[in-house]
Amino acid sequence: MIDTMKSWWVARSPRERSLLGVMLALLIPVLLWYAVAVPFWNALVGAKVRHDTAVEALGRVNAKAAIVKKLEQTPPQPLAAPLQTVIAQSAAEAGFSLTRSEPTVDDGLLISLAAAKSAAFFAWVSKLEAQGLFVQQASIRANPDATIAVDMTIKAQKR
């Protein structure tokens, strides 16, 4: 094969040889650029994006872990009144009327709201969590009038 290439090269005129040399001199950097440099650069940029995403996720996880650690170190305050009374008062303060409020067998409270604005509802749930209560289960459905209907079980945290 090398003999064939040599005989082909010798058969070319000096002008053809110089043009083929210029072509190869231009082709090699282009091939190196597109076969080596561009894939390497794309891999480097992709790695940086994945690293930045991982760092952000790690920050969120560390922040949540700090909150959990703080909650574990501070025991919840006992409720000032029975759970049903606390929820009824808190719902009334938030502007919600409970359509159902029944105690459960495991010291929880099953409540229902027929209509609530979602932002106000979730703000209320956040207040309940700050008081040492948590939502054990929730079923949230959209109403036609841009409100939500909610059935949920609330319990007090115990240590």
C-alpha atoms as a PDB file:
ATOM      1  CA  MET A   1       0.000   0.000   0.000  1.00  0.00           C
ATOM      2  CA  ILE A   2       2.889   2.342   0.754  1.00  0.00           C
ATOM      3  CA  ASP A   3       4.387   1.566  -2.655  1.00  0.00           C
ATOM      4  CA  THR A   4       1.063   2.391  -4.279  1.00  0.00           C
ATOM      5  CA  MET A   5       0.921   5.736  -2.444  1.00  0.00           C
ATOM      6  CA  LYS A   6       4.536   6.540  -3.375  1.00  0.00           C
ATOM      7  CA  SER A   7       3.918   5.785  -7.036  1.00  0.00           C
ATOM      8  CA  TRP A   8       0.729   7.902  -6.944  1.00  0.00           C
ATOM      9  CA  TRP A   9       2.654  10.797  -5.318  1.00  0.00           C
ATOM     10  CA  VAL A  10       5.523  10.579  -7.824  1.00  0.00           C
ATOM     11  CA  ALA A  11       2.998  10.583 -10.685  1.00  0.00           C
ATOM     12  CA  ARG A  12       1.745  14.012  -9.582  1.00  0.00           C
ATOM     13  CA  SER A  13       3.235  17.123 -11.064  1.00  0.00           C
ATOM     14  CA  PRO A  14       5.153  19.515  -8.790  1.00  0.00           C
ATOM     15  CA  ARG A  15       2.204  21.935  -8.907  1.00  0.00           C
ATOM     16  CA  GLU A  16      -0.270  19.181  -7.851  1.00  0.00           C
ATOM     17  CA  ARG A  17       2.068  18.120  -5.035  1.00  0.00           C
ATOM     18  CA  SER A  18       2.284  21.665  -3.688  1.00  0.00           C
ATOM     19  CA  LEU A  19      -1.513  22.077  -3.869  1.00  0.00           C
ATOM     20  CA  LEU A  20      -2.012  18.738  -2.083  1.00  0.00           C
ATOM     21  CA  GLY A  21       0.519  19.854   0.559  1.00  0.00           C
ATOM     22  CA  VAL A  22      -1.374  23.137   1.122  1.00  0.00           C
ATOM     23  CA  MET A  23      -4.647  21.209   1.295  1.00  0.00           C
ATOM     24  CA  LEU A  24      -3.240  18.861   3.951  1.00  0.00           C
ATOM     25  CA  ALA A  25      -1.717  21.792   5.845  1.00  0.00           C
ATOM     26  CA  LEU A  26      -5.188  23.401   6.006  1.00  0.00           C
ATOM     27  CA  LEU A  27      -7.107  20.167   6.562  1.00  0.00           C
ATOM     28  CA  ILE A  28      -5.139  18.919   9.573  1.00  0.00           C
ATOM     29  CA  PRO A  29      -5.873  21.936  11.848  1.00  0.00           C
ATOM     30  CA  VAL A  30      -9.553  21.884  10.839  1.00  0.00           C
ATOM     31  CA  LEU A  31      -9.825  18.177  11.617  1.00  0.00           C
ATOM     32  CA  LEU A  32      -8.014  18.663  14.932  1.00  0.00           C
ATOM     33  CA  TRP A  33     -10.334  21.550  15.805  1.00  0.00           C
ATOM     34  CA  TYR A  34     -13.575  19.667  15.074  1.00  0.00           C
ATOM     35  CA  ALA A  35     -12.407  16.213  16.185  1.00  0.00           C
ATOM     36  CA  VAL A  36     -10.588  17.211  19.392  1.00  0.00           C
ATOM     37  CA  ALA A  37     -11.046  20.816  20.510  1.00  0.00           C
ATOM     38  CA  VAL A  38     -14.824  21.224  20.022  1.00  0.00           C
ATOM     39  CA  PRO A  39     -15.826  17.961  21.784  1.00  0.00           C
ATOM     40  CA  PHE A  40     -13.390  18.752  24.610  1.00  0.00           C
ATOM     41  CA  TRP A  41     -14.824  22.265  24.987  1.00  0.00           C
ATOM     42  CA  ASN A  42     -18.413  20.953  24.971  1.00  0.00           C
ATOM     43  CA  ALA A  43     -17.528  18.377  27.623  1.00  0.00           C
ATOM     44  CA  LEU A  44     -15.892  21.079  29.747  1.00  0.00           C
ATOM     45  CA  VAL A  45     -18.913  23.386  29.519  1.00  0.00           C
ATOM     46  CA  GLY A  46     -21.282  20.504  30.296  1.00  0.00           C
ATOM     47  CA  ALA A  47     -19.207  19.527  33.321  1.00  0.00           C
ATOM     48  CA  LYS A  48     -19.292  23.116  34.598  1.00  0.00           C
ATOM     49  CA  VAL A  49     -23.081  23.266  34.246  1.00  0.00           C
ATOM     50  CA  ARG A  50     -23.480  19.938  36.059  1.00  0.00           C
ATOM     51  CA  HIS A  51     -21.091  21.118  38.790  1.00  0.00           C
ATOM     52  CA  ASP A  52     -22.988  24.382  39.272  1.00  0.00           C
ATOM     53  CA  THR A  53     -26.287  22.477  39.472  1.00  0.00           C
ATOM     54  CA  ALA A  54     -24.818  20.074  42.027  1.00  0.00           C
ATOM     55  CA  VAL A  55     -23.445  22.934  44.138  1.00  0.00           C
ATOM     56  CA  GLU A  56     -26.862  24.623  44.182  1.00  0.00           C
ATOM     57  CA  ALA A  57     -28.554  21.362  45.140  1.00  0.00           C
ATOM     58  CA  LEU A  58     -25.991  20.795  47.890  1.00  0.00           C
ATOM     59  CA  GLY A  59     -26.683  24.282  49.246  1.00  0.00           C
ATOM     60  CA  ARG A  60     -30.429  23.597  49.353  1.00  0.00           C
ATOM     61  CA  VAL A  61     -29.880  20.240  51.053  1.00  0.00           C
ATOM     62  CA  ASN A  62     -27.505  21.756  53.621  1.00  0.00           C
ATOM     63  CA  ALA A  63     -30.015  24.516  54.387  1.00  0.00           C
ATOM     64  CA  LYS A  64     -32.813  21.983  54.872  1.00  0.00           C
ATOM     65  CA  ALA A  65     -30.540  19.791  56.996  1.00  0.00           C
ATOM     66  CA  ALA A  66     -29.770  22.775  59.224  1.00  0.00           C
ATOM     67  CA  ILE A  67     -33.505  23.407  59.655  1.00  0.00           C
ATOM     68  CA  VAL A  68     -34.109  19.757  60.537  1.00  0.00           C
ATOM     69  CA  LYS A  69     -31.217  19.786  63.014  1.00  0.00           C
ATOM     70  CA  LYS A  70     -32.603  22.922  64.643  1.00  0.00           C
ATOM     71  CA  LEU A  71     -36.051  21.340  64.897  1.00  0.00           C
ATOM     72  CA  GLU A  72     -34.570  18.184  66.428  1.00  0.00           C
ATOM     73  CA  GLN A  73     -32.735  20.203  69.074  1.00  0.00           C
ATOM     74  CA  THR A  74     -35.767  22.229  70.151  1.00  0.00           C
ATOM     75  CA  PRO A  75     -38.669  20.139  71.415  1.00  0.00           C
ATOM     76  CA  PRO A  76     -42.120  21.257  70.253  1.00  0.00           C
ATOM     77  CA  GLN A  77     -44.125  23.402  72.639  1.00  0.00           C
ATOM     78  CA  PRO A  78     -47.250  21.777  74.013  1.00  0.00           C
ATOM     79  CA  LEU A  79     -50.493  23.050  72.543  1.00  0.00           C
ATOM     80  CA  ALA A  80     -52.325  25.656  74.638  1.00  0.00           C
ATOM     81  CA  ALA A  81     -55.665  23.966  73.928  1.00  0.00           C
ATOM     82  CA  PRO A  82     -56.944  20.735  72.377  1.00  0.00           C
ATOM     83  CA  LEU A  83     -55.941  20.219  68.739  1.00  0.00           C
ATOM     84  CA  GLN A  84     -59.490  20.709  67.457  1.00  0.00           C
ATOM     85  CA  THR A  85     -59.795  24.063  69.241  1.00  0.00           C
ATOM     86  CA  VAL A  86     -56.378  25.267  68.061  1.00  0.00           C
ATOM     87  CA  ILE A  87     -57.181  24.393  64.426  1.00  0.00           C
ATOM     88  CA  ALA A  88     -60.657  25.960  64.571  1.00  0.00           C
ATOM     89  CA  GLN A  89     -59.276  29.213  66.009  1.00  0.00           C
ATOM     90  CA  SER A  90     -56.365  29.306  63.579  1.00  0.00           C
ATOM     91  CA  ALA A  91     -58.651  28.636  60.591  1.00  0.00           C
ATOM     92  CA  ALA A  92     -61.024  31.385  61.695  1.00  0.00           C
ATOM     93  CA  GLU A  93     -58.106  33.824  62.076  1.00  0.00           C
ATOM     94  CA  ALA A  94     -56.933  32.918  58.571  1.00  0.00           C
ATOM     95  CA  GLY A  95     -60.441  33.462  57.176  1.00  0.00           C
ATOM     96  CA  PHE A  96     -61.321  29.835  56.495  1.00  0.00           C
ATOM     97  CA  SER A  97     -64.518  28.086  57.491  1.00  0.00           C
ATOM     98  CA  LEU A  98     -64.040  24.403  58.182  1.00  0.00           C
ATOM     99  CA  THR A  99     -66.691  22.217  56.580  1.00  0.00           C
ATOM    100  CA  ARG A 100     -65.518  19.198  58.563  1.00  0.00           C
ATOM    101  CA  SER A 101     -63.482  18.730  61.722  1.00  0.00           C
ATOM    102  CA  GLU A 102     -63.306  15.212  63.139  1.00  0.00           C
ATOM    103  CA  PRO A 103     -60.753  13.633  65.478  1.00  0.00           C
ATOM    104  CA  THR A 104     -58.960  10.548  64.167  1.00  0.00           C
ATOM    105  CA  VAL A 105     -58.051   7.415  66.108  1.00  0.00           C
ATOM    106  CA  ASP A 106     -54.343   8.312  66.146  1.00  0.00           C
ATOM    107  CA  ASP A 107     -54.737  11.722  67.874  1.00  0.00           C
ATOM    108  CA  GLY A 108     -55.002  13.625  64.624  1.00  0.00           C
ATOM    109  CA  LEU A 109     -57.708  15.858  63.227  1.00  0.00           C
ATOM    110  CA  LEU A 110     -59.402  15.370  59.853  1.00  0.00           C
ATOM    111  CA  ILE A 111     -60.507  18.714  58.428  1.00  0.00           C
ATOM    112  CA  SER A 112     -62.071  19.856  55.173  1.00  0.00           C
ATOM    113  CA  LEU A 113     -62.231  23.219  53.463  1.00  0.00           C
ATOM    114  CA  ALA A 114     -64.703  23.701  50.618  1.00  0.00           C
ATOM    115  CA  ALA A 115     -62.964  26.716  49.095  1.00  0.00           C
ATOM    116  CA  ALA A 116     -59.698  28.470  49.856  1.00  0.00           C
ATOM    117  CA  LYS A 117     -57.250  30.588  47.914  1.00  0.00           C
ATOM    118  CA  SER A 118     -54.131  28.490  47.460  1.00  0.00           C
ATOM    119  CA  ALA A 119     -51.648  31.166  48.595  1.00  0.00           C
ATOM    120  CA  ALA A 120     -53.615  31.863  51.780  1.00  0.00           C
ATOM    121  CA  PHE A 121     -54.058  28.142  52.461  1.00  0.00           C
ATOM    122  CA  PHE A 122     -50.358  27.325  52.173  1.00  0.00           C
ATOM    123  CA  ALA A 123     -49.453  30.353  54.319  1.00  0.00           C
ATOM    124  CA  TRP A 124     -51.860  29.015  56.957  1.00  0.00           C
ATOM    125  CA  VAL A 125     -50.289  25.546  56.779  1.00  0.00           C
ATOM    126  CA  SER A 126     -46.856  27.164  57.277  1.00  0.00           C
ATOM    127  CA  LYS A 127     -48.163  28.905  60.410  1.00  0.00           C
ATOM    128  CA  LEU A 128     -49.496  25.596  61.693  1.00  0.00           C
ATOM    129  CA  GLU A 129     -46.092  23.977  61.127  1.00  0.00           C
ATOM    130  CA  ALA A 130     -44.440  26.805  63.061  1.00  0.00           C
ATOM    131  CA  GLN A 131     -46.762  25.971  65.985  1.00  0.00           C
ATOM    132  CA  GLY A 132     -45.555  22.358  66.035  1.00  0.00           C
ATOM    133  CA  LEU A 133     -48.346  20.849  63.933  1.00  0.00           C
ATOM    134  CA  PHE A 134     -47.841  18.929  60.724  1.00  0.00           C
ATOM    135  CA  VAL A 135     -49.948  17.724  57.834  1.00  0.00           C
ATOM    136  CA  GLN A 136     -49.985  13.945  57.843  1.00  0.00           C
ATOM    137  CA  GLN A 137     -52.079  13.568  54.701  1.00  0.00           C
ATOM    138  CA  ALA A 138     -53.686  16.009  52.296  1.00  0.00           C
ATOM    139  CA  SER A 139     -55.938  15.845  49.286  1.00  0.00           C
ATOM    140  CA  ILE A 140     -56.149  19.093  47.329  1.00  0.00           C
ATOM    141  CA  ARG A 141     -58.457  19.617  44.359  1.00  0.00           C
ATOM    142  CA  ALA A 142     -58.953  22.637  42.128  1.00  0.00           C
ATOM    143  CA  ASN A 143     -62.376  24.272  42.114  1.00  0.00           C
ATOM    144  CA  PRO A 144     -63.839  25.952  39.010  1.00  0.00           C
ATOM    145  CA  ASP A 145     -63.641  29.380  40.701  1.00  0.00           C
ATOM    146  CA  ALA A 146     -59.801  29.386  41.052  1.00  0.00           C
ATOM    147  CA  THR A 147     -59.923  28.163  44.644  1.00  0.00           C
ATOM    148  CA  ILE A 148     -58.986  24.796  46.076  1.00  0.00           C
ATOM    149  CA  ALA A 149     -60.914  22.230  48.088  1.00  0.00           C
ATOM    150  CA  VAL A 150     -58.893  20.516  50.790  1.00  0.00           C
ATOM    151  CA  ASP A 151     -59.238  17.379  52.909  1.00  0.00           C
ATOM    152  CA  MET A 152     -56.316  16.859  55.260  1.00  0.00           C
ATOM    153  CA  THR A 153     -55.244  15.217  58.481  1.00  0.00           C
ATOM    154  CA  ILE A 154     -53.278  17.338  60.944  1.00  0.00           C
ATOM    155  CA  LYS A 155     -51.309  16.053  63.914  1.00  0.00           C
ATOM    156  CA  ALA A 156     -49.266  17.590  66.687  1.00  0.00           C
ATOM    157  CA  GLN A 157     -45.573  16.723  66.875  1.00  0.00           C
ATOM    158  CA  LYS A 158     -44.686  14.564  69.866  1.00  0.00           C
ATOM    159  CA  ARG A 159     -41.339  13.644  71.386  1.00  0.00           C
END
